[in-house]
mmCIF file of all heavy atoms, coordinates in Angstrom:
data_MODEL
# 
_entry.id   MODEL 
# 
loop_
_atom_site.group_PDB 
_atom_site.id 
_atom_site.type_symbol 
_atom_site.label_atom_id 
_atom_site.label_alt_id 
_atom_site.label_comp_id 
_atom_site.label_asym_id 
_atom_site.label_entity_id 
_atom_site.label_seq_id 
_atom_site.pdbx_PDB_ins_code 
_atom_site.Cartn_x 
_atom_site.Cartn_y 
_atom_site.Cartn_z 
_atom_site.occupancy 
_atom_site.B_iso_or_equiv 
_atom_site.pdbx_formal_charge 
_atom_site.auth_seq_id 
_atom_site.auth_comp_id 
_atom_site.auth_asym_id 
_atom_site.auth_atom_id 
_atom_site.pdbx_PDB_model_num 
ATOM 1   N N   . PRO A 1 1  ? -4.566  10.922 16.363 1.00 0.00 ? 1  PRO A N   1 
ATOM 2   C CA  . PRO A 1 1  ? -4.733  10.086 15.192 1.00 0.00 ? 1  PRO A CA  1 
ATOM 3   C C   . PRO A 1 1  ? -6.013  10.424 14.434 1.00 0.00 ? 1  PRO A C   1 
ATOM 4   O O   . PRO A 1 1  ? -7.081  10.609 15.035 1.00 0.00 ? 1  PRO A O   1 
ATOM 5   C CB  . PRO A 1 1  ? -4.810  8.662  15.777 1.00 0.00 ? 1  PRO A CB  1 
ATOM 6   C CG  . PRO A 1 1  ? -4.171  8.777  17.115 1.00 0.00 ? 1  PRO A CG  1 
ATOM 7   C CD  . PRO A 1 1  ? -4.460  10.159 17.579 1.00 0.00 ? 1  PRO A CD  1 
ATOM 8   N N   . ILE A 1 2  ? -5.899  10.490 13.141 1.00 0.00 ? 2  ILE A N   1 
ATOM 9   C CA  . ILE A 1 2  ? -7.020  10.836 12.264 1.00 0.00 ? 2  ILE A CA  1 
ATOM 10  C C   . ILE A 1 2  ? -7.555  9.501  11.668 1.00 0.00 ? 2  ILE A C   1 
ATOM 11  O O   . ILE A 1 2  ? -6.798  8.727  11.136 1.00 0.00 ? 2  ILE A O   1 
ATOM 12  C CB  . ILE A 1 2  ? -6.587  11.806 11.175 1.00 0.00 ? 2  ILE A CB  1 
ATOM 13  C CG1 . ILE A 1 2  ? -6.132  13.115 11.804 1.00 0.00 ? 2  ILE A CG1 1 
ATOM 14  C CG2 . ILE A 1 2  ? -7.671  11.970 10.137 1.00 0.00 ? 2  ILE A CG2 1 
ATOM 15  C CD1 . ILE A 1 2  ? -5.502  14.100 10.847 1.00 0.00 ? 2  ILE A CD1 1 
ATOM 16  N N   . GLU A 1 3  ? -8.874  9.349  11.768 1.00 0.00 ? 3  GLU A N   1 
ATOM 17  C CA  . GLU A 1 3  ? -9.479  8.119  11.240 1.00 0.00 ? 3  GLU A CA  1 
ATOM 18  C C   . GLU A 1 3  ? -9.986  8.374  9.794  1.00 0.00 ? 3  GLU A C   1 
ATOM 19  O O   . GLU A 1 3  ? -9.962  7.424  8.980  1.00 0.00 ? 3  GLU A O   1 
ATOM 20  C CB  . GLU A 1 3  ? -10.598 7.641  12.118 1.00 0.00 ? 3  GLU A CB  1 
ATOM 21  C CG  . GLU A 1 3  ? -10.057 7.091  13.417 1.00 0.00 ? 3  GLU A CG  1 
ATOM 22  C CD  . GLU A 1 3  ? -11.115 6.370  14.213 1.00 0.00 ? 3  GLU A CD  1 
ATOM 23  O OE1 . GLU A 1 3  ? -12.322 6.451  13.909 1.00 0.00 ? 3  GLU A OE1 1 
ATOM 24  O OE2 . GLU A 1 3  ? -10.745 5.707  15.184 1.00 0.00 ? 3  GLU A OE2 1 
ATOM 25  N N   . ASP A 1 4  ? -10.463 9.561  9.493  1.00 0.00 ? 4  ASP A N   1 
ATOM 26  C CA  . ASP A 1 4  ? -11.037 9.808  8.176  1.00 0.00 ? 4  ASP A CA  1 
ATOM 27  C C   . ASP A 1 4  ? -11.001 11.314 7.895  1.00 0.00 ? 4  ASP A C   1 
ATOM 28  O O   . ASP A 1 4  ? -11.126 12.123 8.850  1.00 0.00 ? 4  ASP A O   1 
ATOM 29  C CB  . ASP A 1 4  ? -12.453 9.283  8.119  1.00 0.00 ? 4  ASP A CB  1 
ATOM 30  C CG  . ASP A 1 4  ? -13.028 9.325  6.706  1.00 0.00 ? 4  ASP A CG  1 
ATOM 31  O OD1 . ASP A 1 4  ? -12.273 9.104  5.751  1.00 0.00 ? 4  ASP A OD1 1 
ATOM 32  O OD2 . ASP A 1 4  ? -14.244 9.590  6.565  1.00 0.00 ? 4  ASP A OD2 1 
ATOM 33  N N   . ILE A 1 5  ? -10.869 11.654 6.606  1.00 0.00 ? 5  ILE A N   1 
ATOM 34  C CA  . ILE A 1 5  ? -10.937 13.042 6.171  1.00 0.00 ? 5  ILE A CA  1 
ATOM 35  C C   . ILE A 1 5  ? -11.910 13.118 5.013  1.00 0.00 ? 5  ILE A C   1 
ATOM 36  O O   . ILE A 1 5  ? -11.744 12.404 4.052  1.00 0.00 ? 5  ILE A O   1 
ATOM 37  C CB  . ILE A 1 5  ? -9.551  13.609 5.781  1.00 0.00 ? 5  ILE A CB  1 
ATOM 38  C CG1 . ILE A 1 5  ? -8.572  13.546 6.945  1.00 0.00 ? 5  ILE A CG1 1 
ATOM 39  C CG2 . ILE A 1 5  ? -9.682  15.041 5.222  1.00 0.00 ? 5  ILE A CG2 1 
ATOM 40  C CD1 . ILE A 1 5  ? -7.153  13.938 6.588  1.00 0.00 ? 5  ILE A CD1 1 
ATOM 41  N N   . GLN A 1 6  ? -12.891 13.947 5.134  1.00 0.00 ? 6  GLN A N   1 
ATOM 42  C CA  . GLN A 1 6  ? -13.863 14.206 4.089  1.00 0.00 ? 6  GLN A CA  1 
ATOM 43  C C   . GLN A 1 6  ? -13.652 15.561 3.567  1.00 0.00 ? 6  GLN A C   1 
ATOM 44  O O   . GLN A 1 6  ? -13.546 16.543 4.364  1.00 0.00 ? 6  GLN A O   1 
ATOM 45  C CB  . GLN A 1 6  ? -15.325 14.074 4.617  1.00 0.00 ? 6  GLN A CB  1 
ATOM 46  C CG  . GLN A 1 6  ? -15.659 12.741 5.264  1.00 0.00 ? 6  GLN A CG  1 
ATOM 47  C CD  . GLN A 1 6  ? -15.892 11.683 4.201  1.00 0.00 ? 6  GLN A CD  1 
ATOM 48  O OE1 . GLN A 1 6  ? -16.494 11.942 3.179  1.00 0.00 ? 6  GLN A OE1 1 
ATOM 49  N NE2 . GLN A 1 6  ? -15.492 10.468 4.531  1.00 0.00 ? 6  GLN A NE2 1 
ATOM 50  N N   . LYS A 1 7  ? -13.583 15.753 2.258  1.00 0.00 ? 7  LYS A N   1 
ATOM 51  C CA  . LYS A 1 7  ? -13.449 17.092 1.671  1.00 0.00 ? 7  LYS A CA  1 
ATOM 52  C C   . LYS A 1 7  ? -14.789 17.494 1.105  1.00 0.00 ? 7  LYS A C   1 
ATOM 53  O O   . LYS A 1 7  ? -15.436 16.765 0.367  1.00 0.00 ? 7  LYS A O   1 
ATOM 54  C CB  . LYS A 1 7  ? -12.374 17.068 0.624  1.00 0.00 ? 7  LYS A CB  1 
ATOM 55  C CG  . LYS A 1 7  ? -11.024 16.716 1.148  1.00 0.00 ? 7  LYS A CG  1 
ATOM 56  C CD  . LYS A 1 7  ? -9.946  17.552 0.588  1.00 0.00 ? 7  LYS A CD  1 
ATOM 57  C CE  . LYS A 1 7  ? -8.679  17.129 1.276  1.00 0.00 ? 7  LYS A CE  1 
ATOM 58  N NZ  . LYS A 1 7  ? -7.631  18.048 1.215  1.00 0.00 ? 7  LYS A NZ  1 
ATOM 59  N N   . SER A 1 8  ? -15.197 18.685 1.527  1.00 0.00 ? 8  SER A N   1 
ATOM 60  C CA  . SER A 1 8  ? -16.505 19.205 1.074  1.00 0.00 ? 8  SER A CA  1 
ATOM 61  C C   . SER A 1 8  ? -16.340 20.697 0.827  1.00 0.00 ? 8  SER A C   1 
ATOM 62  O O   . SER A 1 8  ? -16.002 21.433 1.714  1.00 0.00 ? 8  SER A O   1 
ATOM 63  C CB  . SER A 1 8  ? -17.575 18.940 2.132  1.00 0.00 ? 8  SER A CB  1 
ATOM 64  O OG  . SER A 1 8  ? -18.791 19.537 1.775  1.00 0.00 ? 8  SER A OG  1 
ATOM 65  N N   . SER A 1 9  ? -16.596 21.114 -0.416 1.00 0.00 ? 9  SER A N   1 
ATOM 66  C CA  . SER A 1 9  ? -16.504 22.507 -0.763 1.00 0.00 ? 9  SER A CA  1 
ATOM 67  C C   . SER A 1 9  ? -15.146 23.127 -0.382 1.00 0.00 ? 9  SER A C   1 
ATOM 68  O O   . SER A 1 9  ? -15.072 24.213 0.106  1.00 0.00 ? 9  SER A O   1 
ATOM 69  C CB  . SER A 1 9  ? -17.638 23.341 -0.149 1.00 0.00 ? 9  SER A CB  1 
ATOM 70  O OG  . SER A 1 9  ? -18.870 22.791 -0.481 1.00 0.00 ? 9  SER A OG  1 
ATOM 71  N N   . GLY A 1 10 ? -14.070 22.374 -0.614 1.00 0.00 ? 10 GLY A N   1 
ATOM 72  C CA  . GLY A 1 10 ? -12.732 22.877 -0.297 1.00 0.00 ? 10 GLY A CA  1 
ATOM 73  C C   . GLY A 1 10 ? -12.373 22.814 1.177  1.00 0.00 ? 10 GLY A C   1 
ATOM 74  O O   . GLY A 1 10 ? -11.296 23.314 1.518  1.00 0.00 ? 10 GLY A O   1 
ATOM 75  N N   . VAL A 1 11 ? -13.231 22.319 2.021  1.00 0.00 ? 11 VAL A N   1 
ATOM 76  C CA  . VAL A 1 11 ? -12.973 22.291 3.481  1.00 0.00 ? 11 VAL A CA  1 
ATOM 77  C C   . VAL A 1 11 ? -12.780 20.823 3.864  1.00 0.00 ? 11 VAL A C   1 
ATOM 78  O O   . VAL A 1 11 ? -13.557 19.927 3.456  1.00 0.00 ? 11 VAL A O   1 
ATOM 79  C CB  . VAL A 1 11 ? -14.156 22.897 4.260  1.00 0.00 ? 11 VAL A CB  1 
ATOM 80  C CG1 . VAL A 1 11 ? -13.933 22.693 5.734  1.00 0.00 ? 11 VAL A CG1 1 
ATOM 81  C CG2 . VAL A 1 11 ? -14.336 24.334 3.867  1.00 0.00 ? 11 VAL A CG2 1 
ATOM 82  N N   . SER A 1 12 ? -11.759 20.581 4.622  1.00 0.00 ? 12 SER A N   1 
ATOM 83  C CA  . SER A 1 12 ? -11.486 19.195 5.125  1.00 0.00 ? 12 SER A CA  1 
ATOM 84  C C   . SER A 1 12 ? -12.224 19.025 6.458  1.00 0.00 ? 12 SER A C   1 
ATOM 85  O O   . SER A 1 12 ? -12.049 19.809 7.389  1.00 0.00 ? 12 SER A O   1 
ATOM 86  C CB  . SER A 1 12 ? -9.999  18.995 5.338  1.00 0.00 ? 12 SER A CB  1 
ATOM 87  O OG  . SER A 1 12 ? -9.308  19.051 4.134  1.00 0.00 ? 12 SER A OG  1 
ATOM 88  N N   . LEU A 1 13 ? -13.017 17.979 6.506  1.00 0.00 ? 13 LEU A N   1 
ATOM 89  C CA  . LEU A 1 13 ? -13.698 17.601 7.772  1.00 0.00 ? 13 LEU A CA  1 
ATOM 90  C C   . LEU A 1 13 ? -12.982 16.378 8.281  1.00 0.00 ? 13 LEU A C   1 
ATOM 91  O O   . LEU A 1 13 ? -12.978 15.305 7.707  1.00 0.00 ? 13 LEU A O   1 
ATOM 92  C CB  . LEU A 1 13 ? -15.154 17.276 7.470  1.00 0.00 ? 13 LEU A CB  1 
ATOM 93  C CG  . LEU A 1 13 ? -15.971 18.434 6.826  1.00 0.00 ? 13 LEU A CG  1 
ATOM 94  C CD1 . LEU A 1 13 ? -17.350 17.946 6.382  1.00 0.00 ? 13 LEU A CD1 1 
ATOM 95  C CD2 . LEU A 1 13 ? -16.055 19.597 7.748  1.00 0.00 ? 13 LEU A CD2 1 
ATOM 96  N N   . ILE A 1 14 ? -12.339 16.565 9.450  1.00 0.00 ? 14 ILE A N   1 
ATOM 97  C CA  . ILE A 1 14 ? -11.454 15.531 9.994  1.00 0.00 ? 14 ILE A CA  1 
ATOM 98  C C   . ILE A 1 14 ? -12.178 14.827 11.082 1.00 0.00 ? 14 ILE A C   1 
ATOM 99  O O   . ILE A 1 14 ? -12.770 15.389 12.005 1.00 0.00 ? 14 ILE A O   1 
ATOM 100 C CB  . ILE A 1 14 ? -10.164 16.136 10.504 1.00 0.00 ? 14 ILE A CB  1 
ATOM 101 C CG1 . ILE A 1 14 ? -9.420  16.833 9.403  1.00 0.00 ? 14 ILE A CG1 1 
ATOM 102 C CG2 . ILE A 1 14 ? -9.318  15.102 11.197 1.00 0.00 ? 14 ILE A CG2 1 
ATOM 103 C CD1 . ILE A 1 14 ? -8.165  17.582 9.798  1.00 0.00 ? 14 ILE A CD1 1 
ATOM 104 N N   . GLN A 1 15 ? -12.157 13.468 10.988 1.00 0.00 ? 15 GLN A N   1 
ATOM 105 C CA  . GLN A 1 15 ? -12.704 12.629 12.068 1.00 0.00 ? 15 GLN A CA  1 
ATOM 106 C C   . GLN A 1 15 ? -11.545 11.986 12.815 1.00 0.00 ? 15 GLN A C   1 
ATOM 107 O O   . GLN A 1 15 ? -10.726 11.271 12.188 1.00 0.00 ? 15 GLN A O   1 
ATOM 108 C CB  . GLN A 1 15 ? -13.609 11.523 11.455 1.00 0.00 ? 15 GLN A CB  1 
ATOM 109 C CG  . GLN A 1 15 ? -14.184 10.660 12.496 1.00 0.00 ? 15 GLN A CG  1 
ATOM 110 C CD  . GLN A 1 15 ? -15.088 9.568  11.866 1.00 0.00 ? 15 GLN A CD  1 
ATOM 111 O OE1 . GLN A 1 15 ? -15.503 9.667  10.740 1.00 0.00 ? 15 GLN A OE1 1 
ATOM 112 N NE2 . GLN A 1 15 ? -15.363 8.522  12.628 1.00 0.00 ? 15 GLN A NE2 1 
ATOM 113 N N   . PHE A 1 16 ? -11.469 12.257 14.065 1.00 0.00 ? 16 PHE A N   1 
ATOM 114 C CA  . PHE A 1 16 ? -10.366 11.739 14.906 1.00 0.00 ? 16 PHE A CA  1 
ATOM 115 C C   . PHE A 1 16 ? -10.723 10.451 15.608 1.00 0.00 ? 16 PHE A C   1 
ATOM 116 O O   . PHE A 1 16 ? -11.898 10.142 15.767 1.00 0.00 ? 16 PHE A O   1 
ATOM 117 C CB  . PHE A 1 16 ? -10.018 12.771 16.005 1.00 0.00 ? 16 PHE A CB  1 
ATOM 118 C CG  . PHE A 1 16 ? -9.468  14.054 15.478 1.00 0.00 ? 16 PHE A CG  1 
ATOM 119 C CD1 . PHE A 1 16 ? -10.277 15.193 15.350 1.00 0.00 ? 16 PHE A CD1 1 
ATOM 120 C CD2 . PHE A 1 16 ? -8.149  14.190 15.087 1.00 0.00 ? 16 PHE A CD2 1 
ATOM 121 C CE1 . PHE A 1 16 ? -9.812  16.368 14.823 1.00 0.00 ? 16 PHE A CE1 1 
ATOM 122 C CE2 . PHE A 1 16 ? -7.634  15.355 14.609 1.00 0.00 ? 16 PHE A CE2 1 
ATOM 123 C CZ  . PHE A 1 16 ? -8.465  16.456 14.493 1.00 0.00 ? 16 PHE A CZ  1 
ATOM 124 N N   . ASN A 1 17 ? -9.738  9.700  15.978 1.00 0.00 ? 17 ASN A N   1 
ATOM 125 C CA  . ASN A 1 17 ? -9.939  8.612  16.913 1.00 0.00 ? 17 ASN A CA  1 
ATOM 126 C C   . ASN A 1 17 ? -10.389 9.169  18.181 1.00 0.00 ? 17 ASN A C   1 
ATOM 127 O O   . ASN A 1 17 ? -9.671  9.907  18.869 1.00 0.00 ? 17 ASN A O   1 
ATOM 128 C CB  . ASN A 1 17 ? -8.633  7.766  17.063 1.00 0.00 ? 17 ASN A CB  1 
ATOM 129 C CG  . ASN A 1 17 ? -8.747  6.692  18.092 1.00 0.00 ? 17 ASN A CG  1 
ATOM 130 O OD1 . ASN A 1 17 ? -9.046  6.942  19.257 1.00 0.00 ? 17 ASN A OD1 1 
ATOM 131 N ND2 . ASN A 1 17 ? -8.537  5.480  17.617 1.00 0.00 ? 17 ASN A ND2 1 
ATOM 132 N N   . ILE A 1 18 ? -11.641 8.943  18.582 1.00 0.00 ? 18 ILE A N   1 
ATOM 133 C CA  . ILE A 1 18 ? -12.245 9.638  19.722 1.00 0.00 ? 18 ILE A CA  1 
ATOM 134 C C   . ILE A 1 18 ? -11.553 9.325  21.021 1.00 0.00 ? 18 ILE A C   1 
ATOM 135 O O   . ILE A 1 18 ? -11.381 10.212 21.877 1.00 0.00 ? 18 ILE A O   1 
ATOM 136 C CB  . ILE A 1 18 ? -13.793 9.370  19.778 1.00 0.00 ? 18 ILE A CB  1 
ATOM 137 C CG1 . ILE A 1 18 ? -14.459 10.338 20.721 1.00 0.00 ? 18 ILE A CG1 1 
ATOM 138 C CG2 . ILE A 1 18 ? -14.058 7.931  20.179 1.00 0.00 ? 18 ILE A CG2 1 
ATOM 139 C CD1 . ILE A 1 18 ? -14.505 11.726 20.234 1.00 0.00 ? 18 ILE A CD1 1 
ATOM 140 N N   . ASP A 1 19 ? -11.105 8.094  21.202 1.00 0.00 ? 19 ASP A N   1 
ATOM 141 C CA  . ASP A 1 19 ? -10.400 7.762  22.453 1.00 0.00 ? 19 ASP A CA  1 
ATOM 142 C C   . ASP A 1 19 ? -9.093  8.544  22.582 1.00 0.00 ? 19 ASP A C   1 
ATOM 143 O O   . ASP A 1 19 ? -8.782  9.023  23.671 1.00 0.00 ? 19 ASP A O   1 
ATOM 144 C CB  . ASP A 1 19 ? -10.138 6.240  22.505 1.00 0.00 ? 19 ASP A CB  1 
ATOM 145 C CG  . ASP A 1 19 ? -11.394 5.410  22.671 1.00 0.00 ? 19 ASP A CG  1 
ATOM 146 O OD1 . ASP A 1 19 ? -12.402 5.947  23.202 1.00 0.00 ? 19 ASP A OD1 1 
ATOM 147 O OD2 . ASP A 1 19 ? -11.391 4.257  22.228 1.00 0.00 ? 19 ASP A OD2 1 
ATOM 148 N N   . GLU A 1 20 ? -8.358  8.618  21.475 1.00 0.00 ? 20 GLU A N   1 
ATOM 149 C CA  . GLU A 1 20 ? -7.103  9.342  21.531 1.00 0.00 ? 20 GLU A CA  1 
ATOM 150 C C   . GLU A 1 20 ? -7.322  10.830 21.666 1.00 0.00 ? 20 GLU A C   1 
ATOM 151 O O   . GLU A 1 20 ? -6.566  11.541 22.287 1.00 0.00 ? 20 GLU A O   1 
ATOM 152 C CB  . GLU A 1 20 ? -6.268  9.014  20.303 1.00 0.00 ? 20 GLU A CB  1 
ATOM 153 C CG  . GLU A 1 20 ? -5.734  7.603  20.259 1.00 0.00 ? 20 GLU A CG  1 
ATOM 154 C CD  . GLU A 1 20 ? -4.816  7.304  21.421 1.00 0.00 ? 20 GLU A CD  1 
ATOM 155 O OE1 . GLU A 1 20 ? -3.960  8.164  21.751 1.00 0.00 ? 20 GLU A OE1 1 
ATOM 156 O OE2 . GLU A 1 20 ? -4.937  6.194  22.019 1.00 0.00 ? 20 GLU A OE2 1 
ATOM 157 N N   . LEU A 1 21 ? -8.389  11.364 21.050 1.00 0.00 ? 21 LEU A N   1 
ATOM 158 C CA  . LEU A 1 21 ? -8.714  12.766 21.175 1.00 0.00 ? 21 LEU A CA  1 
ATOM 159 C C   . LEU A 1 21 ? -9.042  13.109 22.598 1.00 0.00 ? 21 LEU A C   1 
ATOM 160 O O   . LEU A 1 21 ? -8.584  14.106 23.175 1.00 0.00 ? 21 LEU A O   1 
ATOM 161 C CB  . LEU A 1 21 ? -9.864  13.145 20.260 1.00 0.00 ? 21 LEU A CB  1 
ATOM 162 C CG  . LEU A 1 21 ? -10.304 14.611 20.276 1.00 0.00 ? 21 LEU A CG  1 
ATOM 163 C CD1 . LEU A 1 21 ? -9.206  15.528 19.888 1.00 0.00 ? 21 LEU A CD1 1 
ATOM 164 C CD2 . LEU A 1 21 ? -11.540 14.797 19.384 1.00 0.00 ? 21 LEU A CD2 1 
ATOM 165 N N   . GLU A 1 22 ? -9.884  12.230 23.249 1.00 0.00 ? 22 GLU A N   1 
ATOM 166 C CA  . GLU A 1 22 ? -10.208 12.491 24.642 1.00 0.00 ? 22 GLU A CA  1 
ATOM 167 C C   . GLU A 1 22 ? -9.003  12.389 25.531 1.00 0.00 ? 22 GLU A C   1 
ATOM 168 O O   . GLU A 1 22 ? -8.856  13.194 26.485 1.00 0.00 ? 22 GLU A O   1 
ATOM 169 C CB  . GLU A 1 22 ? -11.333 11.546 25.076 1.00 0.00 ? 22 GLU A CB  1 
ATOM 170 C CG  . GLU A 1 22 ? -12.651 11.894 24.485 1.00 0.00 ? 22 GLU A CG  1 
ATOM 171 C CD  . GLU A 1 22 ? -13.767 10.916 24.870 1.00 0.00 ? 22 GLU A CD  1 
ATOM 172 O OE1 . GLU A 1 22 ? -13.532 9.916  25.545 1.00 0.00 ? 22 GLU A OE1 1 
ATOM 173 O OE2 . GLU A 1 22 ? -14.937 11.194 24.441 1.00 0.00 ? 22 GLU A OE2 1 
ATOM 174 N N   . LYS A 1 23 ? -8.163  11.444 25.300 1.00 0.00 ? 23 LYS A N   1 
ATOM 175 C CA  . LYS A 1 23 ? -6.928  11.348 26.051 1.00 0.00 ? 23 LYS A CA  1 
ATOM 176 C C   . LYS A 1 23 ? -6.053  12.612 25.914 1.00 0.00 ? 23 LYS A C   1 
ATOM 177 O O   . LYS A 1 23 ? -5.545  13.118 26.924 1.00 0.00 ? 23 LYS A O   1 
ATOM 178 C CB  . LYS A 1 23 ? -6.105  10.101 25.579 1.00 0.00 ? 23 LYS A CB  1 
ATOM 179 C CG  . LYS A 1 23 ? -4.830  9.865  26.325 1.00 0.00 ? 23 LYS A CG  1 
ATOM 180 C CD  . LYS A 1 23 ? -4.109  8.626  25.774 1.00 0.00 ? 23 LYS A CD  1 
ATOM 181 C CE  . LYS A 1 23 ? -2.727  8.512  26.329 1.00 0.00 ? 23 LYS A CE  1 
ATOM 182 N NZ  . LYS A 1 23 ? -2.021  7.422  25.705 1.00 0.00 ? 23 LYS A NZ  1 
ATOM 183 N N   . PHE A 1 24 ? -5.951  13.120 24.715 1.00 0.00 ? 24 PHE A N   1 
ATOM 184 C CA  . PHE A 1 24 ? -5.252  14.364 24.455 1.00 0.00 ? 24 PHE A CA  1 
ATOM 185 C C   . PHE A 1 24 ? -5.859  15.518 25.259 1.00 0.00 ? 24 PHE A C   1 
ATOM 186 O O   . PHE A 1 24 ? -5.149  16.267 25.958 1.00 0.00 ? 24 PHE A O   1 
ATOM 187 C CB  . PHE A 1 24 ? -5.281  14.689 22.958 1.00 0.00 ? 24 PHE A CB  1 
ATOM 188 C CG  . PHE A 1 24 ? -4.677  16.026 22.579 1.00 0.00 ? 24 PHE A CG  1 
ATOM 189 C CD1 . PHE A 1 24 ? -3.336  16.173 22.384 1.00 0.00 ? 24 PHE A CD1 1 
ATOM 190 C CD2 . PHE A 1 24 ? -5.504  17.116 22.391 1.00 0.00 ? 24 PHE A CD2 1 
ATOM 191 C CE1 . PHE A 1 24 ? -2.812  17.432 22.052 1.00 0.00 ? 24 PHE A CE1 1 
ATOM 192 C CE2 . PHE A 1 24 ? -5.003  18.360 22.079 1.00 0.00 ? 24 PHE A CE2 1 
ATOM 193 C CZ  . PHE A 1 24 ? -3.612  18.490 21.865 1.00 0.00 ? 24 PHE A CZ  1 
# 
């Protein structure tokens, strides 16, 4: 699950749900 996406200079910086990322 993605919590937030920041676009900077054409690059997407994705912030994941940390608990779900660690579980994965």
